[in-house]
N, C-alpha and C. Protein backbone atom coordinates (compact mmCIF):
# COMPACT_ATOMS: atom_id res chain seq x y z
N UNK A 1 101.39 29.63 -42.53
CA UNK A 1 100.29 28.70 -42.42
C UNK A 1 100.35 27.66 -43.54
N UNK A 2 100.58 28.11 -44.77
CA UNK A 2 100.65 27.19 -45.90
C UNK A 2 101.86 26.27 -45.79
N UNK A 3 102.96 26.80 -45.25
CA UNK A 3 104.16 26.00 -45.07
C UNK A 3 103.92 24.87 -44.08
N UNK A 4 103.18 25.17 -43.01
CA UNK A 4 102.87 24.15 -42.01
C UNK A 4 101.97 23.07 -42.62
N UNK A 5 101.04 23.47 -43.45
CA UNK A 5 100.14 22.53 -44.11
C UNK A 5 100.92 21.60 -45.04
N UNK A 6 101.89 22.15 -45.76
CA UNK A 6 102.72 21.32 -46.64
C UNK A 6 103.55 20.33 -45.83
N UNK A 7 104.05 20.78 -44.68
CA UNK A 7 104.86 19.89 -43.85
C UNK A 7 104.03 18.75 -43.28
N UNK A 8 102.80 19.04 -42.87
CA UNK A 8 101.95 17.97 -42.35
C UNK A 8 101.56 17.00 -43.45
N UNK A 9 101.30 17.49 -44.65
CA UNK A 9 100.99 16.60 -45.77
C UNK A 9 102.18 15.72 -46.11
N UNK A 10 103.36 16.32 -46.10
CA UNK A 10 104.58 15.57 -46.38
C UNK A 10 104.84 14.51 -45.30
N UNK A 11 104.61 14.87 -44.04
CA UNK A 11 104.80 13.92 -42.94
C UNK A 11 103.80 12.78 -43.03
N UNK A 12 102.55 13.07 -43.38
CA UNK A 12 101.54 12.03 -43.52
C UNK A 12 101.87 11.10 -44.69
N UNK A 13 102.36 11.65 -45.79
CA UNK A 13 102.75 10.82 -46.93
C UNK A 13 103.91 9.92 -46.55
N UNK A 14 104.88 10.45 -45.80
CA UNK A 14 106.01 9.63 -45.36
C UNK A 14 105.54 8.52 -44.43
N UNK A 15 104.58 8.82 -43.54
CA UNK A 15 104.05 7.79 -42.65
C UNK A 15 103.32 6.71 -43.45
N UNK A 16 102.57 7.12 -44.47
CA UNK A 16 101.86 6.15 -45.30
C UNK A 16 102.82 5.26 -46.09
N UNK A 17 103.90 5.83 -46.58
CA UNK A 17 104.88 5.02 -47.31
C UNK A 17 105.55 4.04 -46.34
N UNK A 18 105.90 4.49 -45.14
CA UNK A 18 106.50 3.59 -44.15
C UNK A 18 105.53 2.48 -43.78
N UNK A 19 104.26 2.82 -43.62
CA UNK A 19 103.24 1.83 -43.28
C UNK A 19 103.04 0.84 -44.43
N UNK A 20 103.12 1.32 -45.65
CA UNK A 20 102.92 0.46 -46.82
C UNK A 20 104.02 -0.57 -46.98
N UNK A 21 105.16 -0.35 -46.36
CA UNK A 21 106.28 -1.28 -46.45
C UNK A 21 106.07 -2.55 -45.63
N UNK A 22 105.11 -2.55 -44.72
CA UNK A 22 104.87 -3.68 -43.82
C UNK A 22 104.30 -4.86 -44.60
N UNK A 23 104.86 -6.05 -44.36
CA UNK A 23 104.35 -7.28 -44.98
C UNK A 23 103.23 -7.83 -44.13
N UNK A 24 102.08 -8.09 -44.74
CA UNK A 24 100.90 -8.54 -43.99
C UNK A 24 101.07 -9.95 -43.44
N UNK A 25 101.78 -10.82 -44.15
CA UNK A 25 101.99 -12.16 -43.63
C UNK A 25 102.85 -12.11 -42.37
N UNK A 26 103.77 -11.18 -42.30
CA UNK A 26 104.61 -11.03 -41.11
C UNK A 26 103.80 -10.57 -39.91
N UNK A 27 102.82 -9.72 -40.16
CA UNK A 27 101.94 -9.27 -39.08
C UNK A 27 101.18 -10.47 -38.50
N UNK A 28 100.61 -11.29 -39.38
CA UNK A 28 99.82 -12.44 -38.93
C UNK A 28 100.67 -13.46 -38.17
N UNK A 29 101.83 -13.78 -38.70
CA UNK A 29 102.70 -14.78 -38.06
C UNK A 29 103.22 -14.26 -36.72
N UNK A 30 103.66 -13.03 -36.68
CA UNK A 30 104.21 -12.50 -35.42
C UNK A 30 103.13 -12.36 -34.35
N UNK A 31 101.91 -12.03 -34.75
CA UNK A 31 100.83 -11.95 -33.76
C UNK A 31 100.43 -13.33 -33.25
N UNK A 32 100.70 -14.36 -34.02
CA UNK A 32 100.42 -15.72 -33.57
C UNK A 32 101.41 -16.15 -32.50
N UNK A 33 102.69 -15.79 -32.67
CA UNK A 33 103.72 -16.25 -31.73
C UNK A 33 103.96 -15.31 -30.56
N UNK A 34 104.03 -14.00 -30.79
CA UNK A 34 104.32 -13.03 -29.74
C UNK A 34 103.36 -11.85 -29.82
N UNK A 35 102.08 -12.03 -29.47
CA UNK A 35 101.07 -11.00 -29.71
C UNK A 35 101.36 -9.63 -29.11
N UNK A 36 101.67 -9.50 -27.83
CA UNK A 36 101.84 -8.13 -27.30
C UNK A 36 103.05 -7.42 -27.90
N UNK A 37 104.15 -8.14 -28.03
CA UNK A 37 105.36 -7.55 -28.59
C UNK A 37 105.17 -7.20 -30.06
N UNK A 38 104.52 -8.08 -30.81
CA UNK A 38 104.28 -7.82 -32.24
C UNK A 38 103.40 -6.59 -32.42
N UNK A 39 102.40 -6.43 -31.58
CA UNK A 39 101.52 -5.28 -31.68
C UNK A 39 102.28 -3.98 -31.47
N UNK A 40 103.17 -3.96 -30.52
CA UNK A 40 103.96 -2.77 -30.23
C UNK A 40 104.95 -2.48 -31.36
N UNK A 41 105.61 -3.53 -31.87
CA UNK A 41 106.58 -3.36 -32.95
C UNK A 41 105.91 -2.81 -34.20
N UNK A 42 104.78 -3.38 -34.58
CA UNK A 42 104.12 -2.92 -35.80
C UNK A 42 103.46 -1.56 -35.60
N UNK A 43 103.05 -1.24 -34.39
CA UNK A 43 102.51 0.11 -34.14
C UNK A 43 103.61 1.16 -34.33
N UNK A 44 104.81 0.84 -33.89
CA UNK A 44 105.90 1.79 -34.08
C UNK A 44 106.32 1.87 -35.54
N UNK A 45 106.20 0.77 -36.29
CA UNK A 45 106.53 0.80 -37.72
C UNK A 45 105.52 1.60 -38.53
N UNK A 46 104.24 1.44 -38.22
CA UNK A 46 103.21 2.11 -39.00
C UNK A 46 102.91 3.52 -38.50
N UNK A 47 103.26 3.81 -37.27
CA UNK A 47 102.98 5.13 -36.71
C UNK A 47 101.57 5.28 -36.19
N UNK A 48 100.84 4.20 -36.14
CA UNK A 48 99.45 4.21 -35.63
C UNK A 48 99.38 3.30 -34.41
N UNK A 49 99.02 3.89 -33.28
CA UNK A 49 98.98 3.14 -32.02
C UNK A 49 97.58 2.66 -31.67
N UNK A 50 96.59 3.00 -32.45
CA UNK A 50 95.21 2.60 -32.16
C UNK A 50 95.04 1.08 -32.08
N UNK A 51 95.63 0.27 -32.98
CA UNK A 51 95.46 -1.17 -32.86
C UNK A 51 95.98 -1.74 -31.54
N UNK A 52 97.10 -1.21 -31.06
CA UNK A 52 97.66 -1.68 -29.80
C UNK A 52 96.75 -1.31 -28.63
N UNK A 53 96.24 -0.09 -28.65
CA UNK A 53 95.37 0.37 -27.57
C UNK A 53 94.05 -0.40 -27.56
N UNK A 54 93.46 -0.59 -28.75
CA UNK A 54 92.20 -1.32 -28.84
C UNK A 54 92.39 -2.78 -28.43
N UNK A 55 93.47 -3.41 -28.88
CA UNK A 55 93.73 -4.80 -28.51
C UNK A 55 93.97 -4.95 -27.01
N UNK A 56 94.61 -3.97 -26.40
CA UNK A 56 94.78 -3.99 -24.95
C UNK A 56 93.43 -3.92 -24.26
N UNK A 57 92.55 -3.06 -24.76
CA UNK A 57 91.20 -2.98 -24.20
C UNK A 57 90.44 -4.28 -24.35
N UNK A 58 90.56 -4.92 -25.51
CA UNK A 58 89.89 -6.21 -25.73
C UNK A 58 90.45 -7.26 -24.77
N UNK A 59 91.77 -7.24 -24.56
CA UNK A 59 92.38 -8.18 -23.61
C UNK A 59 91.92 -7.95 -22.19
N UNK A 60 91.81 -6.69 -21.78
CA UNK A 60 91.35 -6.37 -20.43
C UNK A 60 89.89 -6.80 -20.24
N UNK A 61 89.07 -6.59 -21.26
CA UNK A 61 87.67 -7.01 -21.18
C UNK A 61 87.58 -8.53 -21.16
N UNK A 62 88.51 -9.20 -21.84
CA UNK A 62 88.49 -10.66 -21.90
C UNK A 62 88.98 -11.34 -20.65
N UNK A 63 89.68 -10.62 -19.77
CA UNK A 63 90.21 -11.25 -18.55
C UNK A 63 89.11 -11.76 -17.63
N UNK A 64 88.05 -11.01 -17.36
CA UNK A 64 86.99 -11.57 -16.52
C UNK A 64 86.30 -12.79 -17.15
N UNK A 65 86.29 -12.85 -18.47
CA UNK A 65 85.71 -14.01 -19.14
C UNK A 65 86.61 -15.23 -19.07
N UNK A 66 87.86 -15.05 -18.67
CA UNK A 66 88.81 -16.16 -18.60
C UNK A 66 88.37 -17.24 -17.62
N UNK A 67 87.62 -16.85 -16.63
CA UNK A 67 87.13 -17.82 -15.65
C UNK A 67 86.17 -18.79 -16.34
N UNK A 68 85.36 -18.27 -17.24
CA UNK A 68 84.34 -19.09 -17.90
C UNK A 68 84.90 -19.88 -19.07
N UNK A 69 85.70 -19.23 -19.91
CA UNK A 69 86.16 -19.90 -21.14
C UNK A 69 87.63 -20.31 -21.09
N UNK A 70 88.21 -20.39 -19.93
CA UNK A 70 89.59 -20.81 -19.70
C UNK A 70 90.62 -19.96 -20.46
N UNK A 71 90.34 -18.69 -20.65
CA UNK A 71 91.29 -17.75 -21.24
C UNK A 71 91.33 -17.72 -22.75
N UNK A 72 90.45 -18.46 -23.40
CA UNK A 72 90.48 -18.51 -24.86
C UNK A 72 90.18 -17.14 -25.46
N UNK A 73 89.18 -16.44 -24.92
CA UNK A 73 88.83 -15.13 -25.45
C UNK A 73 89.97 -14.14 -25.28
N UNK A 74 90.60 -14.14 -24.13
CA UNK A 74 91.69 -13.20 -23.87
C UNK A 74 92.91 -13.51 -24.73
N UNK A 75 93.15 -14.78 -25.04
CA UNK A 75 94.33 -15.17 -25.80
C UNK A 75 94.15 -15.06 -27.32
N UNK A 76 92.91 -15.11 -27.78
CA UNK A 76 92.68 -15.09 -29.22
C UNK A 76 92.13 -13.75 -29.70
N UNK A 77 91.19 -13.18 -28.97
CA UNK A 77 90.51 -11.97 -29.43
C UNK A 77 91.45 -10.77 -29.53
N UNK A 78 92.31 -10.56 -28.54
CA UNK A 78 93.19 -9.39 -28.54
C UNK A 78 94.21 -9.43 -29.68
N UNK A 79 94.96 -10.54 -29.88
CA UNK A 79 95.90 -10.55 -31.01
C UNK A 79 95.21 -10.49 -32.37
N UNK A 80 94.06 -11.13 -32.46
CA UNK A 80 93.32 -11.11 -33.72
C UNK A 80 92.84 -9.70 -34.04
N UNK A 81 92.39 -8.98 -33.03
CA UNK A 81 91.96 -7.60 -33.22
C UNK A 81 93.11 -6.72 -33.68
N UNK A 82 94.25 -6.84 -33.00
CA UNK A 82 95.41 -6.03 -33.36
C UNK A 82 95.90 -6.34 -34.76
N UNK A 83 96.03 -7.63 -35.09
CA UNK A 83 96.51 -8.02 -36.41
C UNK A 83 95.57 -7.54 -37.51
N UNK A 84 94.28 -7.70 -37.30
CA UNK A 84 93.30 -7.28 -38.31
C UNK A 84 93.34 -5.77 -38.52
N UNK A 85 93.45 -5.02 -37.44
CA UNK A 85 93.49 -3.56 -37.56
C UNK A 85 94.77 -3.10 -38.27
N UNK A 86 95.90 -3.71 -37.95
CA UNK A 86 97.16 -3.32 -38.58
C UNK A 86 97.14 -3.67 -40.07
N UNK A 87 96.67 -4.87 -40.41
CA UNK A 87 96.61 -5.27 -41.82
C UNK A 87 95.68 -4.35 -42.60
N UNK A 88 94.54 -4.01 -42.03
CA UNK A 88 93.63 -3.09 -42.71
C UNK A 88 94.25 -1.72 -42.90
N UNK A 89 94.99 -1.24 -41.91
CA UNK A 89 95.66 0.06 -42.02
C UNK A 89 96.71 0.03 -43.12
N UNK A 90 97.48 -1.05 -43.16
CA UNK A 90 98.53 -1.17 -44.18
C UNK A 90 97.92 -1.20 -45.58
N UNK A 91 96.86 -2.00 -45.75
CA UNK A 91 96.21 -2.08 -47.06
C UNK A 91 95.58 -0.74 -47.45
N UNK A 92 95.03 -0.03 -46.49
CA UNK A 92 94.45 1.28 -46.78
C UNK A 92 95.54 2.27 -47.20
N UNK A 93 96.68 2.25 -46.52
CA UNK A 93 97.78 3.14 -46.89
C UNK A 93 98.33 2.80 -48.27
N UNK A 94 98.40 1.51 -48.60
CA UNK A 94 98.84 1.11 -49.95
C UNK A 94 97.87 1.61 -51.00
N UNK A 95 96.58 1.50 -50.72
CA UNK A 95 95.58 1.96 -51.67
C UNK A 95 95.69 3.48 -51.89
N UNK A 96 95.91 4.21 -50.81
CA UNK A 96 96.04 5.67 -50.92
C UNK A 96 97.27 6.08 -51.72
N UNK A 97 98.35 5.34 -51.57
CA UNK A 97 99.58 5.66 -52.30
C UNK A 97 99.65 4.98 -53.66
N UNK A 98 98.62 4.18 -53.98
CA UNK A 98 98.54 3.46 -55.26
C UNK A 98 99.67 2.46 -55.44
N UNK A 99 100.02 1.77 -54.34
CA UNK A 99 101.01 0.70 -54.38
C UNK A 99 100.27 -0.63 -54.48
N UNK A 100 100.84 -1.55 -55.22
CA UNK A 100 100.26 -2.89 -55.29
C UNK A 100 100.83 -3.75 -54.16
N UNK A 101 102.10 -3.66 -53.92
CA UNK A 101 102.74 -4.47 -52.90
C UNK A 101 103.75 -3.69 -52.10
N UNK A 102 104.31 -4.33 -51.09
CA UNK A 102 105.27 -3.64 -50.23
C UNK A 102 106.60 -3.32 -50.93
N UNK A 103 106.90 -4.05 -51.99
CA UNK A 103 108.15 -3.78 -52.70
C UNK A 103 108.15 -2.39 -53.34
N UNK A 104 107.00 -1.98 -53.86
CA UNK A 104 106.89 -0.63 -54.43
C UNK A 104 107.09 0.44 -53.35
N UNK A 105 106.54 0.16 -52.17
CA UNK A 105 106.72 1.10 -51.06
C UNK A 105 108.19 1.15 -50.62
N UNK A 106 108.86 -0.02 -50.65
CA UNK A 106 110.29 -0.04 -50.33
C UNK A 106 111.07 0.82 -51.31
N UNK A 107 110.76 0.67 -52.58
CA UNK A 107 111.48 1.45 -53.60
C UNK A 107 111.24 2.94 -53.41
N UNK A 108 110.00 3.33 -53.14
CA UNK A 108 109.68 4.75 -52.93
C UNK A 108 110.37 5.26 -51.67
N UNK A 109 110.38 4.48 -50.61
CA UNK A 109 110.99 4.88 -49.34
C UNK A 109 112.48 5.13 -49.52
N UNK A 110 113.16 4.21 -50.19
CA UNK A 110 114.60 4.37 -50.38
C UNK A 110 114.93 5.45 -51.41
N UNK A 111 114.05 5.64 -52.38
CA UNK A 111 114.29 6.70 -53.36
C UNK A 111 114.17 8.08 -52.71
N UNK A 112 113.25 8.24 -51.80
CA UNK A 112 113.05 9.52 -51.13
C UNK A 112 113.99 9.73 -49.95
N UNK A 113 114.51 8.63 -49.39
CA UNK A 113 115.33 8.74 -48.18
C UNK A 113 116.76 9.16 -48.48
N UNK A 114 117.29 8.76 -49.63
CA UNK A 114 118.72 9.00 -49.88
C UNK A 114 118.94 10.12 -50.82
């Protein structure tokens, strides 16, 4: 039982370090140009799929509104939701690991990986 607990803690720490490596400016720029693809790519990098699922829900809810607002809500709200959630997750993981920037997470990731 204790061994399993240590493994889950170790796996969560590894996920947080991988998530901390993500550059927030890259999230914003990629969501501006290729929102659905960027959401999937960053979800696989961070290991958290909630932003992609929530943004898909926001997009689906925005589709009926497209008739009224010419698709502005569906095109802006979903990528903005996904980008904001991913950036908040990355910043939260950095805070938990006491990293200031992604470079520290890179160093930790490569130090533990090899």
